[in-house]
Every structure is written in C-alpha cells, then in structure tokens.
C-alpha cells in the first residue's frame, strides 16, 4: 500500500482505467467472435452486418487507446479478408 497520497490516487485511477479498458476489449472480442460465428453460418448479409459491428468495436477500442491503431487496422483487414474469401 502506498504511503504517499498521490501514489494512492494513481493506484485508484489505474484500477478504474483497467476495468474500463477490460470492458472495451471484452466487447470488441465478443463482436469479433459473433462475426466469426456468422461467417460459419454462410449467410453473407448477416456476416456483413456483423462485420460492420466488429469494425465499429475495434475502432472504438483503438480510439480509446485500448489497442494500438496499427493493431486495429490489422484486425479489420484480416476480418474483411475472411468475408472476401467467403464469396469465392
């Protein structure tokens, strides 16, 4: 336990931010998982809607600094590539 009040505050703030970041990341992962499940079902329209939701969640996580913008771009690219391979 910190002895200095500013250090104690940093601990409190870090705990709050960690919880918020964990929620954002979990929401993003859930959206990606749902998209991958809709891909397996084979319905292209549902998969496209699910992809839009997943991309939205990825962008939200990147804008909040939970993930790096390059990681967000890489995830979106890989998910889009999977939808394109469904067509062929």
N, C-alpha and C. Protein backbone atom coordinates (compact mmCIF):
# COMPACT_ATOMS: atom_id res chain seq x y z
N UNK A 1 0.85 -1.18 0.00
CA UNK A 1 0.00 0.00 0.00
C UNK A 1 0.89 1.24 0.00
N UNK A 2 0.59 2.20 -0.88
CA UNK A 2 1.44 3.39 -0.97
C UNK A 2 1.30 4.30 0.27
N UNK A 3 2.40 4.95 0.61
CA UNK A 3 2.41 5.86 1.75
C UNK A 3 2.05 7.28 1.33
N UNK A 4 2.31 7.62 0.10
CA UNK A 4 2.08 8.98 -0.39
C UNK A 4 0.69 9.06 -1.02
N UNK A 5 -0.01 10.15 -0.74
CA UNK A 5 -1.40 10.25 -1.19
C UNK A 5 -1.52 10.27 -2.71
N UNK A 6 -0.56 10.90 -3.39
CA UNK A 6 -0.63 10.93 -4.85
C UNK A 6 -0.42 9.53 -5.44
N UNK A 7 0.41 8.74 -4.79
CA UNK A 7 0.63 7.37 -5.23
C UNK A 7 -0.62 6.53 -5.00
N UNK A 8 -1.31 6.79 -3.89
CA UNK A 8 -2.56 6.09 -3.61
C UNK A 8 -3.61 6.43 -4.66
N UNK A 9 -3.64 7.69 -5.06
CA UNK A 9 -4.60 8.11 -6.09
C UNK A 9 -4.26 7.43 -7.42
N UNK A 10 -3.01 7.34 -7.75
CA UNK A 10 -2.61 6.68 -9.01
C UNK A 10 -3.09 5.24 -9.01
N UNK A 11 -3.01 4.57 -7.87
CA UNK A 11 -3.48 3.19 -7.78
C UNK A 11 -4.98 3.13 -8.06
N UNK A 12 -5.74 4.06 -7.45
CA UNK A 12 -7.19 4.09 -7.66
C UNK A 12 -7.53 4.36 -9.12
N UNK A 13 -6.86 5.33 -9.71
CA UNK A 13 -7.13 5.70 -11.10
C UNK A 13 -6.78 4.54 -12.03
N UNK A 14 -5.66 3.89 -11.76
CA UNK A 14 -5.23 2.76 -12.58
C UNK A 14 -6.24 1.62 -12.52
N UNK A 15 -6.78 1.35 -11.33
CA UNK A 15 -7.79 0.30 -11.21
C UNK A 15 -9.03 0.64 -12.02
N UNK A 16 -9.46 1.90 -11.97
CA UNK A 16 -10.64 2.33 -12.72
C UNK A 16 -10.42 2.19 -14.22
N UNK A 17 -9.25 2.65 -14.67
CA UNK A 17 -8.95 2.58 -16.10
C UNK A 17 -8.81 1.14 -16.57
N UNK A 18 -8.22 0.30 -15.72
CA UNK A 18 -8.06 -1.10 -16.08
C UNK A 18 -9.41 -1.76 -16.28
N UNK A 19 -10.36 -1.48 -15.39
CA UNK A 19 -11.70 -2.04 -15.54
C UNK A 19 -12.36 -1.56 -16.82
N UNK A 20 -12.25 -0.27 -17.10
CA UNK A 20 -12.86 0.28 -18.30
C UNK A 20 -12.23 -0.32 -19.56
N UNK A 21 -10.90 -0.42 -19.57
CA UNK A 21 -10.20 -0.99 -20.71
C UNK A 21 -10.58 -2.45 -20.91
N UNK A 22 -10.74 -3.18 -19.80
CA UNK A 22 -11.10 -4.58 -19.89
C UNK A 22 -12.50 -4.73 -20.50
N UNK A 23 -13.41 -3.84 -20.15
CA UNK A 23 -14.76 -3.89 -20.71
C UNK A 23 -14.75 -3.62 -22.21
N UNK A 24 -13.99 -2.60 -22.62
CA UNK A 24 -13.92 -2.25 -24.03
C UNK A 24 -13.33 -3.41 -24.83
N UNK A 25 -12.27 -4.00 -24.31
CA UNK A 25 -11.61 -5.10 -25.00
C UNK A 25 -12.52 -6.33 -25.08
N UNK A 26 -13.25 -6.60 -24.00
CA UNK A 26 -14.16 -7.75 -23.99
C UNK A 26 -15.29 -7.55 -24.99
N UNK A 27 -15.81 -6.33 -25.08
CA UNK A 27 -16.87 -6.03 -26.05
C UNK A 27 -16.36 -6.23 -27.48
N UNK A 28 -15.13 -5.79 -27.72
CA UNK A 28 -14.52 -5.95 -29.04
C UNK A 28 -14.36 -7.44 -29.37
N UNK A 29 -13.85 -8.21 -28.44
CA UNK A 29 -13.65 -9.64 -28.68
C UNK A 29 -14.97 -10.35 -28.93
N UNK A 30 -16.00 -9.96 -28.20
CA UNK A 30 -17.32 -10.57 -28.38
C UNK A 30 -17.84 -10.29 -29.78
N UNK A 31 -17.70 -9.04 -30.24
CA UNK A 31 -18.16 -8.68 -31.58
C UNK A 31 -17.41 -9.48 -32.64
N UNK A 32 -16.12 -9.66 -32.46
CA UNK A 32 -15.32 -10.43 -33.41
C UNK A 32 -15.76 -11.89 -33.40
N UNK A 33 -15.99 -12.44 -32.21
CA UNK A 33 -16.42 -13.83 -32.09
C UNK A 33 -17.77 -14.04 -32.76
N UNK A 34 -18.69 -13.09 -32.56
CA UNK A 34 -20.01 -13.21 -33.20
C UNK A 34 -19.88 -13.15 -34.72
N UNK A 35 -18.99 -12.29 -35.21
CA UNK A 35 -18.77 -12.20 -36.65
C UNK A 35 -18.25 -13.53 -37.20
N UNK A 36 -17.30 -14.12 -36.51
CA UNK A 36 -16.73 -15.39 -36.98
C UNK A 36 -17.79 -16.50 -36.98
N UNK A 37 -18.70 -16.46 -36.01
CA UNK A 37 -19.77 -17.45 -35.98
C UNK A 37 -20.74 -17.24 -37.14
N UNK A 38 -21.03 -15.99 -37.48
CA UNK A 38 -21.95 -15.74 -38.61
C UNK A 38 -21.29 -16.12 -39.93
N UNK A 39 -19.97 -16.02 -40.00
CA UNK A 39 -19.26 -16.46 -41.21
C UNK A 39 -19.47 -17.96 -41.42
N UNK A 40 -19.42 -18.71 -40.35
CA UNK A 40 -19.59 -20.16 -40.46
C UNK A 40 -21.00 -20.54 -40.89
N UNK A 41 -21.97 -19.69 -40.54
CA UNK A 41 -23.35 -19.99 -40.93
C UNK A 41 -23.54 -19.86 -42.44
N UNK A 42 -22.73 -19.01 -43.07
CA UNK A 42 -22.75 -18.90 -44.52
C UNK A 42 -23.61 -17.79 -45.08
N UNK A 43 -24.38 -17.10 -44.26
CA UNK A 43 -25.23 -16.01 -44.75
C UNK A 43 -24.40 -14.75 -44.92
N UNK A 44 -24.26 -14.29 -46.16
CA UNK A 44 -23.39 -13.15 -46.45
C UNK A 44 -23.94 -11.84 -45.88
N UNK A 45 -25.25 -11.63 -45.97
CA UNK A 45 -25.83 -10.37 -45.50
C UNK A 45 -25.65 -10.22 -43.98
N UNK A 46 -25.91 -11.31 -43.27
CA UNK A 46 -25.76 -11.27 -41.81
C UNK A 46 -24.29 -11.09 -41.44
N UNK A 47 -23.41 -11.73 -42.20
CA UNK A 47 -21.98 -11.61 -41.94
C UNK A 47 -21.50 -10.18 -42.17
N UNK A 48 -22.03 -9.52 -43.21
CA UNK A 48 -21.62 -8.14 -43.47
C UNK A 48 -22.06 -7.22 -42.34
N UNK A 49 -23.28 -7.41 -41.86
CA UNK A 49 -23.77 -6.60 -40.75
C UNK A 49 -22.93 -6.85 -39.50
N UNK A 50 -22.59 -8.09 -39.27
CA UNK A 50 -21.78 -8.45 -38.11
C UNK A 50 -20.36 -7.89 -38.24
N UNK A 51 -19.85 -7.84 -39.47
CA UNK A 51 -18.52 -7.27 -39.72
C UNK A 51 -18.53 -5.78 -39.40
N UNK A 52 -19.59 -5.08 -39.82
CA UNK A 52 -19.69 -3.64 -39.52
C UNK A 52 -19.66 -3.40 -38.01
N UNK A 53 -20.38 -4.23 -37.27
CA UNK A 53 -20.38 -4.11 -35.81
C UNK A 53 -18.99 -4.38 -35.24
N UNK A 54 -18.33 -5.41 -35.73
CA UNK A 54 -17.00 -5.75 -35.23
C UNK A 54 -16.01 -4.62 -35.52
N UNK A 55 -16.07 -4.07 -36.73
CA UNK A 55 -15.16 -2.97 -37.09
C UNK A 55 -15.43 -1.75 -36.22
N UNK A 56 -16.70 -1.50 -35.94
CA UNK A 56 -17.05 -0.38 -35.06
C UNK A 56 -16.45 -0.56 -33.68
N UNK A 57 -16.54 -1.76 -33.14
CA UNK A 57 -15.99 -2.03 -31.81
C UNK A 57 -14.46 -1.94 -31.82
N UNK A 58 -13.83 -2.40 -32.89
CA UNK A 58 -12.37 -2.31 -33.00
C UNK A 58 -11.94 -0.85 -33.06
N UNK A 59 -12.65 -0.05 -33.85
CA UNK A 59 -12.32 1.38 -33.94
C UNK A 59 -12.52 2.07 -32.60
N UNK A 60 -13.57 1.69 -31.89
CA UNK A 60 -13.82 2.29 -30.57
C UNK A 60 -12.68 1.96 -29.61
N UNK A 61 -12.21 0.73 -29.62
CA UNK A 61 -11.11 0.34 -28.74
C UNK A 61 -9.83 1.10 -29.11
N UNK A 62 -9.60 1.28 -30.41
CA UNK A 62 -8.40 1.99 -30.85
C UNK A 62 -8.48 3.47 -30.48
N UNK A 63 -9.67 4.06 -30.61
CA UNK A 63 -9.80 5.49 -30.29
C UNK A 63 -9.62 5.75 -28.80
N UNK A 64 -9.95 4.77 -27.97
CA UNK A 64 -9.78 4.93 -26.53
C UNK A 64 -8.37 4.54 -26.07
N UNK A 65 -7.55 4.05 -26.99
CA UNK A 65 -6.18 3.70 -26.64
C UNK A 65 -6.05 2.33 -26.02
N UNK A 66 -7.10 1.52 -26.09
CA UNK A 66 -7.04 0.18 -25.51
C UNK A 66 -6.16 -0.71 -26.38
N UNK A 67 -6.27 -0.56 -27.69
CA UNK A 67 -5.37 -1.25 -28.61
C UNK A 67 -4.73 -0.20 -29.52
N UNK A 68 -3.60 -0.54 -30.10
CA UNK A 68 -2.88 0.37 -30.98
C UNK A 68 -3.60 0.50 -32.31
N UNK A 69 -3.48 1.64 -32.96
CA UNK A 69 -4.19 1.85 -34.22
C UNK A 69 -3.74 0.89 -35.31
N UNK A 70 -2.47 0.49 -35.29
CA UNK A 70 -2.00 -0.48 -36.28
C UNK A 70 -2.58 -1.87 -36.01
N UNK A 71 -2.74 -2.20 -34.74
CA UNK A 71 -3.36 -3.48 -34.40
C UNK A 71 -4.81 -3.48 -34.85
N UNK A 72 -5.48 -2.34 -34.69
CA UNK A 72 -6.88 -2.23 -35.13
C UNK A 72 -6.97 -2.41 -36.65
N UNK A 73 -6.07 -1.78 -37.37
CA UNK A 73 -6.06 -1.88 -38.83
C UNK A 73 -5.81 -3.33 -39.26
N UNK A 74 -4.89 -4.00 -38.56
CA UNK A 74 -4.57 -5.38 -38.90
C UNK A 74 -5.77 -6.30 -38.65
N UNK A 75 -6.45 -6.11 -37.52
CA UNK A 75 -7.63 -6.92 -37.21
C UNK A 75 -8.73 -6.70 -38.25
N UNK A 76 -8.99 -5.44 -38.60
CA UNK A 76 -10.04 -5.13 -39.57
C UNK A 76 -9.71 -5.73 -40.93
N UNK A 77 -8.44 -5.66 -41.31
CA UNK A 77 -8.02 -6.20 -42.60
C UNK A 77 -8.22 -7.71 -42.65
N UNK A 78 -7.84 -8.39 -41.58
CA UNK A 78 -7.97 -9.85 -41.56
C UNK A 78 -9.43 -10.29 -41.55
N UNK A 79 -10.27 -9.56 -40.83
CA UNK A 79 -11.68 -9.90 -40.80
C UNK A 79 -12.34 -9.67 -42.17
N UNK A 80 -11.96 -8.57 -42.82
CA UNK A 80 -12.51 -8.27 -44.15
C UNK A 80 -12.06 -9.31 -45.17
N UNK A 81 -10.82 -9.75 -45.03
CA UNK A 81 -10.29 -10.76 -45.95
C UNK A 81 -11.07 -12.06 -45.83
N UNK A 82 -11.48 -12.40 -44.60
CA UNK A 82 -12.26 -13.62 -44.41
C UNK A 82 -13.62 -13.53 -45.10
N UNK A 83 -14.24 -12.35 -45.07
CA UNK A 83 -15.53 -12.16 -45.75
C UNK A 83 -15.34 -12.27 -47.25
N UNK A 84 -14.24 -11.72 -47.76
CA UNK A 84 -13.99 -11.78 -49.20
C UNK A 84 -13.75 -13.23 -49.64
N UNK A 85 -13.11 -14.03 -48.79
CA UNK A 85 -12.85 -15.42 -49.17
C UNK A 85 -14.14 -16.24 -49.15
N UNK A 86 -15.15 -15.77 -48.43
CA UNK A 86 -16.43 -16.45 -48.40
C UNK A 86 -17.11 -16.38 -49.77
N UNK A 87 -16.90 -15.29 -50.48
CA UNK A 87 -17.53 -15.08 -51.78
C UNK A 87 -16.95 -16.04 -52.84
N UNK A 88 -15.64 -16.29 -52.72
CA UNK A 88 -15.01 -17.13 -53.75
C UNK A 88 -15.10 -18.60 -53.46
